């Protein structure tokens, strides 16, 4: 329909009749290019942009009616003599998705349409031209031209400013899409802005530049389409590199293929439930949560009906829909493999976190029991023993019932023994000195209580330790000392603590009998879980006749 209308308009017009009008050939090429590129764009990606391109072509042909020598089409053309300008402004500001996103863009576009569709038609009865105007009432041509030129300058400044502002705030992928169209568009705006104030020959030259810019705009759009086709060669290179690439390089390969350095890969959380918030929907390849940023576009990667991954990328990549889809198709298999690995890592991370929570809860319960024993039962026993001794003293040196005095003394001695055992039990559960004074004083207290000689090797002062690290180091040393004295028949035990490469290294070595049974005792096996809960490592070396050494390597920064 646009082509039929354009052919009719060119047939009835008299293009090139004077220097101010374009030739029929040039008008046909420009209008035809807009119709062609708009149709191709709409077929490849149905939406507003292709329809806007077609509308520019139809408006361009409608303007050609004003150069007809026939008064009827000429008069009709006067009502449409600036409609192509409004369509071009709309197209420039709505590129590349066909939508006006900001208030400024909508305001400028609305003002341009109001001018060309309302004010210009209202001035037709007061506009005189070479061909008779059938609705002419009075000749105010000079005034109208001045008003139109002034409006043209104002709109050119506004549109140019909006295009420049959008260019500076655009991301690199968006700039690659905008570059050809904006380059031609700003050139046309500059030509339109400077034309009214130039003398004759210069004005004609600038007018030709404006016409060429108008012709170049659909060509720039075609250049964008050609760039999409060339982008497919990048996808071909991606297909060649994927089989040889390390899984850790996948993100960089996709970012290079799509030209978006901000691209991230995320995977659906393996525990897919409806009650998760945005921070728990996705995980990365290491199993850590991934939160989409407000400016991210989220594109799912499908294998069959299953979403195996999502790409978080610049929204401008959607303008290259074919490249984006081809890249996703090329990487889908590798992304599915990494999704499976990410699920395993996420589950492992959750298991580690659960184990750490269990150890933390157990330590807190140890501290609570130790406090309860110290502040409750132990104080009650001490008080009862004191009362018994006071009762014994009140009987005097020669009590009437000597056996009663003996019983009271035995009861007091038994209570004191129970208090001593209770204190030992409390220290074993969780030594108060560990919480109050730190790791090294707690290890010295452990050595002092041991039935065998235990040497605590003092090194450089330790930095402040997290509670879980200090508790783990203490219990590793305590269990290793107990293992050495009870099972290895050791005569001497050495305990060393040092810091190396942001790690706390605890070493307990004895001169006992050694052997595989000692290296795998149930107590030491239980310590492995505690050490692993804080991302540490426990190594036990034991051989007959060489004693046993326990090495715990603990992080100083909690995961």
Protein backbone atom coordinates (compact mmCIF):
# COMPACT_ATOMS: atom_id res chain seq x y z
CA UNK A 1 0.00 0.00 0.00
CA UNK A 2 2.85 2.38 0.75
CA UNK A 3 4.51 1.61 -2.56
CA UNK A 4 1.23 2.17 -4.44
CA UNK A 5 0.66 5.47 -2.67
CA UNK A 6 4.28 6.52 -3.34
CA UNK A 7 4.03 5.71 -7.05
CA UNK A 8 0.82 7.74 -7.30
CA UNK A 9 2.34 10.69 -5.44
CA UNK A 10 5.44 10.70 -7.65
CA UNK A 11 3.28 10.45 -10.78
CA UNK A 12 1.17 13.50 -9.94
CA UNK A 13 4.10 15.55 -8.58
CA UNK A 14 6.59 17.59 -10.56
CA UNK A 15 9.80 16.88 -8.70
CA UNK A 16 12.86 19.02 -9.46
CA UNK A 17 10.88 21.86 -11.00
CA UNK A 18 12.93 24.38 -8.99
CA UNK A 19 16.07 24.33 -6.79
CA UNK A 20 13.99 24.02 -3.60
CA UNK A 21 12.45 20.69 -4.60
CA UNK A 22 14.04 17.26 -4.83
CA UNK A 23 14.01 15.21 -7.99
CA UNK A 24 11.46 12.47 -8.56
CA UNK A 25 14.25 9.87 -8.60
CA UNK A 26 15.68 11.02 -5.25
CA UNK A 27 12.25 11.16 -3.64
CA UNK A 28 11.42 7.69 -4.93
CA UNK A 29 14.72 6.26 -3.62
CA UNK A 30 14.32 7.79 -0.16
CA UNK A 31 10.68 6.83 0.26
CA UNK A 32 11.29 3.38 -1.20
CA UNK A 33 14.21 2.73 1.16
CA UNK A 34 12.11 3.60 4.18
CA UNK A 35 9.33 1.30 2.99
CA UNK A 36 11.78 -1.51 2.25
CA UNK A 37 13.80 -1.33 5.46
CA UNK A 38 10.65 -0.90 7.53
CA UNK A 39 9.09 -4.00 5.97
CA UNK A 40 12.26 -6.05 6.49
CA UNK A 41 12.53 -4.87 10.09
CA UNK A 42 8.94 -5.75 10.82
CA UNK A 43 9.26 -9.19 9.25
CA UNK A 44 12.44 -9.98 11.20
CA UNK A 45 11.20 -8.49 14.45
CA UNK A 46 7.51 -7.54 14.54
CA UNK A 47 7.01 -4.34 16.51
CA UNK A 48 6.75 -0.59 16.32
CA UNK A 49 10.16 0.19 14.82
CA UNK A 50 9.45 -1.34 11.42
CA UNK A 51 6.04 0.33 11.31
CA UNK A 52 7.66 3.69 12.12
CA UNK A 53 10.05 3.22 9.19
CA UNK A 54 7.11 2.49 6.88
CA UNK A 55 5.28 5.54 8.24
CA UNK A 56 8.28 7.75 7.41
CA UNK A 57 8.24 6.45 3.82
CA UNK A 58 4.52 7.15 3.41
CA UNK A 59 4.90 10.61 4.98
CA UNK A 60 7.81 11.33 2.66
CA UNK A 61 5.67 10.56 -0.40
CA UNK A 62 2.81 12.63 1.05
CA UNK A 63 5.10 15.67 1.18
CA UNK A 64 5.84 15.25 -2.56
CA UNK A 65 2.22 16.07 -3.39
CA UNK A 66 2.89 19.77 -2.70
CA UNK A 67 5.22 20.07 -5.74
CA UNK A 68 2.50 18.98 -8.16
CA UNK A 69 1.43 21.44 -10.87
CA UNK A 70 -2.14 20.27 -10.41
CA UNK A 71 -3.94 22.50 -7.87
CA UNK A 72 -5.85 19.62 -6.24
CA UNK A 73 -2.93 17.35 -5.23
CA UNK A 74 -0.86 20.50 -4.58
CA UNK A 75 -3.39 21.80 -2.09
CA UNK A 76 -3.63 18.39 -0.42
CA UNK A 77 0.18 18.30 -0.24
CA UNK A 78 0.26 21.66 1.55
CA UNK A 79 -1.58 20.09 4.48
CA UNK A 80 1.09 17.33 4.62
CA UNK A 81 4.18 19.36 3.75
CA UNK A 82 6.04 18.67 7.05
CA UNK A 83 4.64 15.30 8.21
CA UNK A 84 7.84 13.41 7.33
CA UNK A 85 9.79 15.57 9.79
CA UNK A 86 7.53 14.51 12.65
CA UNK A 87 7.83 10.85 11.66
CA UNK A 88 11.63 11.12 11.49
CA UNK A 89 11.82 12.73 14.93
CA UNK A 90 9.65 9.94 16.33
CA UNK A 91 11.83 7.31 14.65
CA UNK A 92 15.09 8.78 15.96
CA UNK A 93 13.89 9.14 19.54
CA UNK A 94 12.22 5.69 19.58
CA UNK A 95 15.20 3.80 18.13
CA UNK A 96 16.09 0.92 18.63
CA UNK A 97 12.99 -0.70 20.20
CA UNK A 98 10.33 1.61 18.76
CA UNK A 99 9.25 3.03 22.13
CA UNK A 100 9.64 6.47 23.72
CA UNK A 101 11.00 5.80 27.20
CA UNK A 102 11.41 9.22 28.81
CA UNK A 103 9.12 12.16 29.47
CA UNK A 104 11.38 14.47 27.46
CA UNK A 105 11.22 12.19 24.41
CA UNK A 106 7.43 11.96 24.64
CA UNK A 107 7.08 15.73 25.13
CA UNK A 108 9.26 16.64 22.14
CA UNK A 109 7.61 14.06 19.88
CA UNK A 110 4.14 15.21 20.93
CA UNK A 111 5.03 18.85 20.29
CA UNK A 112 6.37 18.03 16.82
CA UNK A 113 3.23 16.09 15.90
CA UNK A 114 1.02 18.90 17.23
CA UNK A 115 2.92 21.39 15.07
CA UNK A 116 2.83 19.45 11.78
CA UNK A 117 -0.65 17.97 12.16
CA UNK A 118 -2.46 20.99 13.68
CA UNK A 119 -0.60 24.29 13.30
CA UNK A 120 0.73 23.73 9.77
CA UNK A 121 -2.70 22.66 8.36
CA UNK A 122 -4.31 25.67 10.05
CA UNK A 123 -1.90 27.90 8.12
CA UNK A 124 -2.64 26.44 4.69
CA UNK A 125 -5.40 29.01 3.88
CA UNK A 126 -2.75 31.72 4.41
CA UNK A 127 0.03 30.14 2.33
CA UNK A 128 0.68 31.17 -1.28
CA UNK A 129 2.82 29.14 -3.70
CA UNK A 130 3.55 28.86 -7.44
CA UNK A 131 0.73 26.39 -8.03
CA UNK A 132 -2.64 27.87 -7.02
CA UNK A 133 -3.77 27.10 -3.46
CA UNK A 134 -7.47 26.22 -3.72
CA UNK A 135 -8.18 27.25 -0.11
CA UNK A 136 -6.13 30.47 -0.03
CA UNK A 137 -7.75 33.23 2.00
CA UNK A 138 -4.87 35.65 2.62
CA UNK A 139 -1.14 35.67 1.90
CA UNK A 140 0.86 35.28 5.14
CA UNK A 141 3.51 33.09 3.55
CA UNK A 142 6.55 35.00 4.90
CA UNK A 143 5.21 34.95 8.45
CA UNK A 144 4.48 31.22 8.26
CA UNK A 145 7.94 30.41 6.89
CA UNK A 146 9.57 32.37 9.70
CA UNK A 147 7.45 30.57 12.30
CA UNK A 148 8.14 27.16 10.75
CA UNK A 149 11.88 27.89 10.53
CA UNK A 150 11.92 28.96 14.17
CA UNK A 151 10.07 25.84 15.23
CA UNK A 152 12.46 23.77 13.12
CA UNK A 153 15.47 25.26 14.91
CA UNK A 154 13.90 24.71 18.34
CA UNK A 155 12.98 21.11 17.63
CA UNK A 156 16.40 20.42 16.06
CA UNK A 157 18.14 21.66 19.23
CA UNK A 158 15.84 19.60 21.46
CA UNK A 159 16.22 16.40 19.41
CA UNK A 160 19.98 16.81 19.11
CA UNK A 161 20.30 17.31 22.86
CA UNK A 162 18.23 14.20 23.59
CA UNK A 163 20.30 12.10 21.18
CA UNK A 164 23.59 13.30 22.70
CA UNK A 165 22.33 12.70 26.24
CA UNK A 166 21.20 9.18 25.41
CA UNK A 167 24.58 8.45 23.79
CA UNK A 168 26.52 9.45 26.92
CA UNK A 169 24.35 7.41 29.29
CA UNK A 170 24.23 4.36 26.98
CA UNK A 171 26.23 1.21 27.72
CA UNK A 172 28.82 -0.07 25.19
CA UNK A 173 26.44 -2.66 23.64
CA UNK A 174 23.76 0.03 23.31
CA UNK A 175 26.21 2.42 21.66
CA UNK A 176 27.09 -0.16 19.02
CA UNK A 177 23.40 -0.34 18.11
CA UNK A 178 22.90 3.44 18.24
CA UNK A 179 26.13 4.51 16.48
CA UNK A 180 25.13 4.30 12.77
CA UNK A 181 21.64 5.74 13.20
CA UNK A 182 22.67 8.45 15.67
CA UNK A 183 25.63 9.49 13.51
CA UNK A 184 23.38 10.06 10.52
CA UNK A 185 20.58 11.51 12.64
CA UNK A 186 22.76 14.11 14.37
CA UNK A 187 24.23 15.08 11.00
CA UNK A 188 20.71 15.69 9.67
CA UNK A 189 19.76 17.66 12.78
CA UNK A 190 22.86 19.85 12.47
CA UNK A 191 22.11 20.49 8.79
CA UNK A 192 18.49 21.40 9.54
CA UNK A 193 19.63 23.65 12.38
CA UNK A 194 22.12 25.63 10.31
CA UNK A 195 20.23 25.87 7.02
CA UNK A 196 17.83 28.79 7.78
CA UNK A 197 20.63 31.25 8.62
CA UNK A 198 22.90 30.54 5.64
CA UNK A 199 23.13 32.40 2.31
CA UNK A 200 21.94 30.89 -0.97
CA UNK A 201 24.69 28.50 -2.12
CA UNK A 202 25.61 27.44 1.42
CA UNK A 203 21.96 26.86 2.22
CA UNK A 204 21.64 24.67 -0.88
CA UNK A 205 24.70 22.66 0.16
CA UNK A 206 23.40 22.17 3.69
CA UNK A 207 20.01 21.27 2.23
CA UNK A 208 21.69 18.55 0.18
CA UNK A 209 23.44 17.28 3.32
CA UNK A 210 20.10 17.15 5.11
CA UNK A 211 18.62 15.21 2.21
CA UNK A 212 21.56 12.82 2.19
CA UNK A 213 21.16 12.33 5.94
CA UNK A 214 17.52 11.53 5.34
CA UNK A 215 18.60 9.01 2.71
CA UNK A 216 21.33 7.65 4.98
CA UNK A 217 19.03 6.94 7.91
CA UNK A 218 17.40 3.83 6.38
CA UNK A 219 20.83 2.79 5.11
CA UNK A 220 22.14 3.11 8.65
CA UNK A 221 19.36 0.84 9.77
CA UNK A 222 20.37 -1.64 7.08
CA UNK A 223 23.95 -1.37 8.35
CA UNK A 224 22.67 -2.39 11.77
CA UNK A 225 20.95 -5.38 10.21
CA UNK A 226 24.16 -6.25 8.38
CA UNK A 227 26.08 -6.01 11.66
CA UNK A 228 23.68 -8.58 13.11
CA UNK A 229 24.52 -10.91 10.25
CA UNK A 230 28.23 -10.36 10.85
CA UNK A 231 27.63 -11.05 14.51
CA UNK A 232 26.73 -14.59 13.55
CA UNK A 233 30.34 -15.17 12.53
CA UNK A 234 31.27 -14.41 16.12
CA UNK A 235 28.86 -17.13 17.19
CA UNK A 236 30.58 -19.47 14.75
CA UNK A 237 33.89 -18.71 16.44
CA UNK A 238 32.25 -19.38 19.81
CA UNK A 239 31.17 -22.83 18.59
CA UNK A 240 34.75 -23.64 17.63
CA UNK A 241 36.21 -22.49 20.96
CA UNK A 242 33.66 -24.00 23.34
CA UNK A 243 34.83 -27.64 23.16
CA UNK A 244 38.44 -26.62 23.91
CA UNK A 245 37.68 -24.00 26.56
CA UNK A 246 37.93 -24.47 30.30
CA UNK A 247 34.51 -24.28 32.05
CA UNK A 248 35.75 -21.23 33.97
CA UNK A 249 36.21 -19.40 30.64
CA UNK A 250 32.59 -19.79 29.52
CA UNK A 251 31.46 -16.43 30.88
CA UNK A 252 34.34 -14.60 29.18
CA UNK A 253 33.61 -16.35 25.87
CA UNK A 254 29.93 -15.41 25.99
CA UNK A 255 30.74 -11.84 27.06
CA UNK A 256 33.14 -11.52 24.11
CA UNK A 257 30.68 -13.02 21.62
CA UNK A 258 27.89 -10.70 22.73
CA UNK A 259 30.11 -7.68 23.34
CA UNK A 260 28.87 -7.16 26.89
CA UNK A 261 31.58 -7.15 29.60
CA UNK A 262 28.90 -6.92 32.30
CA UNK A 263 27.32 -10.26 31.33
CA UNK A 264 26.86 -12.79 34.14
CA UNK A 265 25.74 -16.41 34.11
CA UNK A 266 23.40 -17.71 36.79
CA UNK A 267 21.65 -21.01 37.38
CA UNK A 268 18.28 -21.80 38.95
CA UNK A 269 18.62 -22.69 42.61
CA UNK A 270 18.58 -26.50 42.98
CA UNK A 271 15.96 -26.22 45.73
CA UNK A 272 13.26 -24.79 43.47
CA UNK A 273 10.49 -23.54 45.74
CA UNK A 274 7.94 -20.77 45.32
CA UNK A 275 8.68 -19.04 48.63
CA UNK A 276 12.22 -17.92 47.76
CA UNK A 277 12.91 -14.21 47.46
CA UNK A 278 14.96 -12.58 44.68
CA UNK A 279 18.25 -13.18 46.51
CA UNK A 280 17.72 -16.97 46.44
CA UNK A 281 16.45 -17.57 42.91
CA UNK A 282 19.82 -18.07 41.23
CA UNK A 283 23.32 -19.28 42.09
CA UNK A 284 26.64 -18.95 40.29
CA UNK A 285 28.97 -21.76 39.22
CA UNK A 286 30.38 -21.92 42.76
CA UNK A 287 26.92 -22.31 44.31
CA UNK A 288 26.82 -18.75 45.72
CA UNK A 289 23.60 -16.68 45.45
CA UNK A 290 23.33 -14.32 42.45
CA UNK A 291 21.06 -11.26 42.68
CA UNK A 292 19.99 -9.61 39.39
CA UNK A 293 20.82 -5.91 39.26
CA UNK A 294 18.02 -3.41 38.47
CA UNK A 295 19.55 -2.67 35.06
CA UNK A 296 19.97 -6.34 34.11
CA UNK A 297 17.92 -8.03 31.42
CA UNK A 298 17.29 -11.70 32.24
CA UNK A 299 17.29 -14.11 29.30
CA UNK A 300 16.58 -17.80 30.05
CA UNK A 301 18.57 -20.58 28.41
CA UNK A 302 16.33 -23.57 27.62
CA UNK A 303 17.03 -27.19 26.84
CA UNK A 304 13.63 -28.58 26.02
CA UNK A 305 11.17 -27.28 28.62
CA UNK A 306 13.85 -26.90 31.32
CA UNK A 307 15.55 -23.61 32.16
CA UNK A 308 19.19 -24.65 32.56
CA UNK A 309 20.60 -21.15 33.10
CA UNK A 310 19.89 -17.46 32.73
CA UNK A 311 22.04 -14.71 31.24
CA UNK A 312 22.05 -11.40 33.10
CA UNK A 313 23.07 -8.83 30.51
CA UNK A 314 22.66 -5.35 29.10
CA UNK A 315 19.11 -4.83 27.74
CA UNK A 316 20.61 -3.42 24.53
CA UNK A 317 21.61 -6.95 23.48
CA UNK A 318 17.95 -7.66 22.76
CA UNK A 319 18.28 -5.43 19.70
CA UNK A 320 20.56 -8.17 18.31
CA UNK A 321 17.97 -10.86 18.92
CA UNK A 322 19.40 -13.24 16.32
CA UNK A 323 22.93 -13.06 17.74
CA UNK A 324 21.63 -13.47 21.30
CA UNK A 325 19.54 -16.50 20.37
CA UNK A 326 22.35 -18.07 18.34
CA UNK A 327 24.81 -17.56 21.22
CA UNK A 328 22.39 -19.13 23.69
CA UNK A 329 21.81 -22.11 21.40
CA UNK A 330 25.56 -22.61 20.98
CA UNK A 331 26.28 -22.53 24.71
CA UNK A 332 23.18 -24.37 25.97
CA UNK A 333 24.86 -27.78 26.36
CA UNK A 334 27.86 -26.38 28.24
CA UNK A 335 25.58 -24.25 30.41
CA UNK A 336 23.52 -27.33 31.26
CA UNK A 337 26.67 -29.18 32.33
CA UNK A 338 27.70 -26.24 34.48
CA UNK A 339 24.18 -26.06 35.93
CA UNK A 340 24.57 -29.61 37.21
CA UNK A 341 27.96 -28.74 38.69
CA UNK A 342 26.49 -25.57 40.23
CA UNK A 343 23.69 -27.59 41.82
CA UNK A 344 26.23 -29.93 43.42
CA UNK A 345 28.27 -26.98 44.68
CA UNK A 346 25.17 -25.25 46.03
CA UNK A 347 24.15 -28.39 47.89
CA UNK A 348 27.71 -28.75 49.20
CA UNK A 349 27.67 -25.13 50.32
CA UNK A 350 24.39 -25.70 52.11
CA UNK A 351 25.79 -28.86 53.75
CA UNK A 352 28.84 -26.95 54.94
CA UNK A 353 26.69 -24.14 56.26
CA UNK A 354 24.47 -26.65 58.05
CA UNK A 355 27.50 -28.39 59.58
CA UNK A 356 28.87 -25.01 60.70
CA UNK A 357 25.53 -24.14 62.29
CA UNK A 358 25.52 -27.45 64.16
CA UNK A 359 29.05 -26.88 65.47
CA UNK A 360 28.20 -23.32 66.48
CA UNK A 361 25.07 -24.48 68.28
CA UNK A 362 27.03 -27.23 70.03
CA UNK A 363 29.68 -24.75 71.21
CA UNK A 364 27.00 -22.42 72.51
CA UNK A 365 25.40 -25.28 74.41
CA UNK A 366 28.82 -26.22 75.83
CA UNK A 367 29.29 -22.68 77.08
CA UNK A 368 25.80 -22.60 78.55
CA UNK A 369 26.30 -25.94 80.38
CA UNK A 370 29.69 -24.77 81.67
CA UNK A 371 28.13 -21.58 83.00
CA UNK A 372 25.23 -23.47 84.56
CA UNK A 373 27.59 -25.93 86.28
CA UNK A 374 29.84 -23.16 87.52
CA UNK A 375 27.12 -20.78 88.65
CA UNK A 376 24.60 -23.40 89.77
CA UNK A 377 25.57 -26.90 90.91
CA UNK A 378 29.19 -26.04 91.74
CA UNK A 379 28.21 -23.11 93.96
CA UNK A 380 25.58 -25.21 95.70
CA UNK A 381 28.12 -27.94 96.45
CA UNK A 382 30.70 -25.45 97.75
CA UNK A 383 28.08 -23.86 99.99
CA UNK A 384 26.93 -27.26 101.32
CA UNK A 385 30.54 -28.27 102.07
CA UNK A 386 31.06 -25.03 103.96
CA UNK A 387 27.91 -25.57 106.03
CA UNK A 388 29.07 -29.08 106.92
CA UNK A 389 32.46 -27.79 108.08
CA UNK A 390 30.79 -25.08 110.14
CA UNK A 391 28.60 -27.74 111.76
CA UNK A 392 31.67 -29.86 112.50
CA UNK A 393 33.49 -26.91 114.08
CA UNK A 394 30.49 -26.13 116.32
CA UNK A 395 30.68 -29.59 117.84
CA UNK A 396 33.98 -28.58 119.43
CA UNK A 397 37.13 -30.65 119.99
CA UNK A 398 35.36 -33.17 122.23
CA UNK A 399 31.90 -33.77 120.83
CA UNK A 400 29.47 -35.91 122.79
CA UNK A 401 29.09 -38.10 119.71
CA UNK A 402 32.52 -38.58 118.07
CA UNK A 403 31.07 -40.56 115.19
CA UNK A 404 28.90 -37.57 114.17
CA UNK A 405 32.01 -35.41 113.80
CA UNK A 406 33.69 -38.06 111.67
CA UNK A 407 30.62 -38.30 109.43
CA UNK A 408 30.44 -34.54 108.98
CA UNK A 409 34.13 -34.37 108.06
CA UNK A 410 33.79 -37.23 105.56
CA UNK A 411 30.74 -35.57 103.98
CA UNK A 412 32.60 -32.26 103.61
CA UNK A 413 35.65 -34.02 102.08
CA UNK A 414 33.37 -35.89 99.66
CA UNK A 415 31.68 -32.67 98.59
CA UNK A 416 35.06 -31.02 97.97
CA UNK A 417 36.09 -34.00 95.83
CA UNK A 418 32.82 -33.72 93.92
CA UNK A 419 33.45 -30.01 93.35
CA UNK A 420 36.91 -30.78 91.98
CA UNK A 421 35.50 -33.41 89.62
CA UNK A 422 32.71 -31.04 88.58
CA UNK A 423 35.27 -28.38 87.77
CA UNK A 424 37.19 -30.83 85.62
CA UNK A 425 33.97 -31.82 83.89
CA UNK A 426 33.10 -28.15 83.24
CA UNK A 427 36.56 -27.50 81.82
CA UNK A 428 36.18 -30.49 79.50
CA UNK A 429 32.81 -29.30 78.27
CA UNK A 430 34.05 -25.77 77.55
CA UNK A 431 36.87 -24.17 79.52
CA UNK A 432 35.96 -20.75 80.86
CA UNK A 433 39.57 -19.61 80.41
CA UNK A 434 39.21 -20.05 76.64
CA UNK A 435 36.40 -17.52 76.54
CA UNK A 436 37.88 -15.16 79.10
CA UNK A 437 41.63 -15.25 78.33
CA UNK A 438 42.06 -16.79 74.88
CA UNK A 439 43.58 -19.84 73.22
CA UNK A 440 47.14 -19.87 74.61
CA UNK A 441 46.14 -19.53 78.31
CA UNK A 442 43.56 -22.29 77.75
CA UNK A 443 46.24 -24.58 76.27
CA UNK A 444 48.56 -23.87 79.22
CA UNK A 445 45.75 -24.74 81.62
CA UNK A 446 45.21 -27.96 79.64
CA UNK A 447 48.91 -28.79 79.98
CA UNK A 448 48.86 -28.08 83.71
CA UNK A 449 46.00 -30.52 84.27
CA UNK A 450 47.54 -33.34 82.20
CA UNK A 451 48.92 -36.38 84.00
CA UNK A 452 51.87 -36.47 81.58
CA UNK A 453 54.30 -33.67 80.67
CA UNK A 454 52.80 -31.44 78.00
CA UNK A 455 54.96 -28.70 76.51
CA UNK A 456 53.13 -25.73 75.03
CA UNK A 457 55.55 -24.08 72.59
CA UNK A 458 55.20 -20.31 72.71
CA UNK A 459 55.63 -18.49 69.41
CA UNK A 460 54.81 -15.00 68.18
CA UNK A 461 51.69 -13.45 69.69
CA UNK A 462 48.52 -14.64 68.02
CA UNK A 463 46.12 -12.18 66.41
CA UNK A 464 42.52 -12.01 67.66
CA UNK A 465 40.84 -15.28 66.72
CA UNK A 466 37.20 -15.90 65.82
CA UNK A 467 35.40 -17.84 68.55
CA UNK A 468 34.85 -20.90 66.34
CA UNK A 469 38.53 -21.02 65.31
CA UNK A 470 39.76 -20.72 68.90
CA UNK A 471 37.32 -23.38 70.12
CA UNK A 472 38.24 -25.76 67.28
CA UNK A 473 41.97 -25.33 67.91
CA UNK A 474 41.51 -25.99 71.64
CA UNK A 475 39.43 -29.13 71.19
CA UNK A 476 41.85 -30.49 68.57
CA UNK A 477 44.70 -30.05 71.06
CA UNK A 478 42.66 -31.47 73.97
CA UNK A 479 41.59 -34.57 72.03
CA UNK A 480 45.11 -35.15 70.70
CA UNK A 481 46.59 -34.87 74.23
CA UNK A 482 43.96 -37.26 75.58
CA UNK A 483 44.62 -39.69 72.73
CA UNK A 484 48.37 -39.56 73.41
CA UNK A 485 48.11 -40.16 77.16
CA UNK A 486 45.36 -42.78 77.16
CA UNK A 487 46.12 -44.86 74.07
CA UNK A 488 49.61 -44.10 72.76
CA UNK A 489 51.34 -44.48 76.15
CA UNK A 490 53.30 -41.32 75.45
CA UNK A 491 55.74 -39.89 78.00
CA UNK A 492 55.85 -36.41 76.51
CA UNK A 493 53.54 -34.32 74.30
CA UNK A 494 54.41 -31.12 72.41
CA UNK A 495 51.71 -28.57 71.45
CA UNK A 496 52.56 -25.79 68.96
CA UNK A 497 50.39 -22.99 67.60
CA UNK A 498 51.47 -20.55 64.88
CA UNK A 499 50.06 -18.35 62.14
CA UNK A 500 51.08 -18.99 58.54
CA UNK A 501 49.63 -17.35 55.41
CA UNK A 502 46.44 -16.19 57.12
CA UNK A 503 45.91 -19.66 58.59
CA UNK A 504 46.19 -20.95 62.15
CA UNK A 505 48.31 -24.11 62.33
CA UNK A 506 47.95 -26.32 65.43
CA UNK A 507 50.41 -29.23 65.84
CA UNK A 508 50.28 -31.86 68.59
CA UNK A 509 53.08 -34.47 68.53
CA UNK A 510 53.83 -37.27 71.02
CA UNK A 511 56.50 -39.94 71.49
CA UNK A 512 54.04 -42.80 71.94
CA UNK A 513 53.74 -46.13 70.19
CA UNK A 514 51.84 -44.78 67.17
CA UNK A 515 49.97 -46.94 64.68
CA UNK A 516 47.01 -46.83 62.32
CA UNK A 517 44.49 -47.42 65.10
CA UNK A 518 45.63 -44.27 66.85
CA UNK A 519 45.47 -42.24 63.63
CA UNK A 520 41.85 -43.21 63.08
CA UNK A 521 40.48 -43.16 66.61
CA UNK A 522 36.87 -42.18 67.08
CA UNK A 523 37.81 -38.99 68.93
CA UNK A 524 40.03 -37.74 66.10
CA UNK A 525 37.45 -38.75 63.51
CA UNK A 526 34.89 -36.62 65.30
CA UNK A 527 37.28 -33.67 65.14
CA UNK A 528 37.39 -33.92 61.34
CA UNK A 529 33.78 -32.78 61.09
CA UNK A 530 34.43 -29.86 63.44
CA UNK A 531 37.51 -28.79 61.45
CA UNK A 532 35.77 -29.21 58.09
CA UNK A 533 32.83 -27.10 59.30
CA UNK A 534 35.05 -24.00 59.26
CA UNK A 535 36.78 -24.92 55.97
CA UNK A 536 39.87 -26.27 57.76
CA UNK A 537 42.01 -29.38 57.23
CA UNK A 538 42.99 -32.07 59.74
CA UNK A 539 45.92 -34.41 59.03
CA UNK A 540 46.97 -37.24 61.37
CA UNK A 541 50.27 -39.05 60.87
CA UNK A 542 51.04 -42.12 62.94
CA UNK A 543 53.40 -45.02 62.43
CA UNK A 544 54.57 -47.74 64.89
CA UNK A 545 57.49 -46.54 67.00
CA UNK A 546 57.44 -42.96 65.68
CA UNK A 547 54.57 -41.54 67.69
CA UNK A 548 51.56 -39.64 66.44
CA UNK A 549 51.31 -36.06 65.13
CA UNK A 550 48.06 -34.18 64.59
CA UNK A 551 48.06 -31.12 62.31
CA UNK A 552 45.06 -28.79 62.08
CA UNK A 553 45.11 -26.00 59.48
CA UNK A 554 42.33 -23.48 60.23
CA UNK A 555 41.34 -20.27 58.40
CA UNK A 556 41.64 -17.03 60.35
CA UNK A 557 38.73 -15.58 58.39
CA UNK A 558 35.46 -17.46 58.71
CA UNK A 559 33.78 -18.45 55.40
